[in-house]
Amino acid sequence: MRRRFEIYYARGPNYRTNNTYTGTVIITRCDTVNQIYSGNFYFKAVDENTGKIVNVTDGRFDVKRN
């Protein structure tokens, strides 16, 4: 299932994804008993004011849902 998400880097310049600069989030663990979700991500984002591009690779997350 594909869903569209917008990802941005909130500190400093305003880097955002759009139709040209996109990324992927891959859920690698979905523990419904302990409510822990893990995954990897990567994306390219652009500061639309300056045109500067960032390339985020090898992103990882672990989230415990309350």
Protein backbone atom coordinates (compact mmCIF):
# COMPACT_ATOMS: atom_id res chain seq x y z
CA MET A 1 0.00 0.00 0.00
CA ARG A 2 1.41 3.39 -0.97
CA ARG A 3 0.54 6.52 0.94
CA ARG A 4 1.80 10.02 0.43
CA PHE A 5 3.58 11.71 3.31
CA GLU A 6 5.35 15.02 3.48
CA ILE A 7 8.66 15.02 5.32
CA TYR A 8 10.55 18.11 6.31
CA TYR A 9 13.59 19.02 8.36
CA ALA A 10 12.29 21.51 10.93
CA ARG A 11 15.57 23.00 12.14
CA GLY A 12 17.29 25.70 10.13
CA PRO A 13 16.27 26.04 6.48
CA ASN A 14 12.87 24.73 5.49
CA TYR A 15 13.59 21.53 3.54
CA ARG A 16 10.48 19.82 2.18
CA THR A 17 9.60 16.89 -0.03
CA ASN A 18 7.38 17.44 -3.05
CA ASN A 19 6.51 15.70 -6.32
CA THR A 20 10.13 15.93 -7.51
CA TYR A 21 11.98 15.32 -4.24
CA THR A 22 10.51 12.25 -2.57
CA GLY A 23 11.40 9.46 -0.21
CA THR A 24 10.42 6.12 1.23
CA VAL A 25 9.47 4.81 4.67
CA ILE A 26 9.73 1.04 5.18
CA ILE A 27 8.07 -0.48 8.27
CA THR A 28 10.31 -3.34 9.44
CA ARG A 29 8.66 -4.21 12.77
CA CYS A 30 5.07 -3.95 13.91
CA ASP A 31 4.78 -5.37 17.44
CA THR A 32 1.09 -4.97 18.26
CA VAL A 33 1.45 -6.52 21.74
CA ASN A 34 4.13 -4.08 22.96
CA GLN A 35 3.03 -1.29 20.58
CA ILE A 36 6.54 -0.88 19.08
CA TYR A 37 6.96 0.12 15.46
CA SER A 38 10.32 0.26 13.70
CA GLY A 39 11.50 1.10 10.25
CA ASN A 40 13.90 2.74 7.87
CA PHE A 41 13.59 5.80 5.69
CA TYR A 42 15.35 7.89 3.10
CA PHE A 43 14.40 11.00 1.20
CA LYS A 44 15.55 14.00 -0.81
CA ALA A 45 14.16 17.38 0.16
CA VAL A 46 14.55 20.91 -1.18
CA ASP A 47 14.55 24.37 0.36
CA GLU A 48 12.19 26.06 -2.07
CA ASN A 49 13.60 29.50 -1.18
CA THR A 50 17.23 28.67 -2.01
CA GLY A 51 16.97 25.54 -4.19
CA LYS A 52 19.42 23.72 -1.91
CA ILE A 53 18.81 19.96 -1.74
CA VAL A 54 19.48 17.56 1.15
CA ASN A 55 19.77 13.81 0.75
CA VAL A 56 18.86 11.86 3.90
CA THR A 57 19.95 8.22 3.75
CA ASP A 58 19.92 5.32 6.20
CA GLY A 59 17.31 6.89 8.48
CA ARG A 60 15.97 4.61 11.20
CA PHE A 61 13.24 4.89 13.83
CA ASP A 62 11.74 2.96 16.75
CA VAL A 63 8.47 4.30 18.16
CA LYS A 64 6.57 3.03 21.17
CA ARG A 65 2.94 3.98 20.94
CA ASN A 66 1.21 4.91 24.19
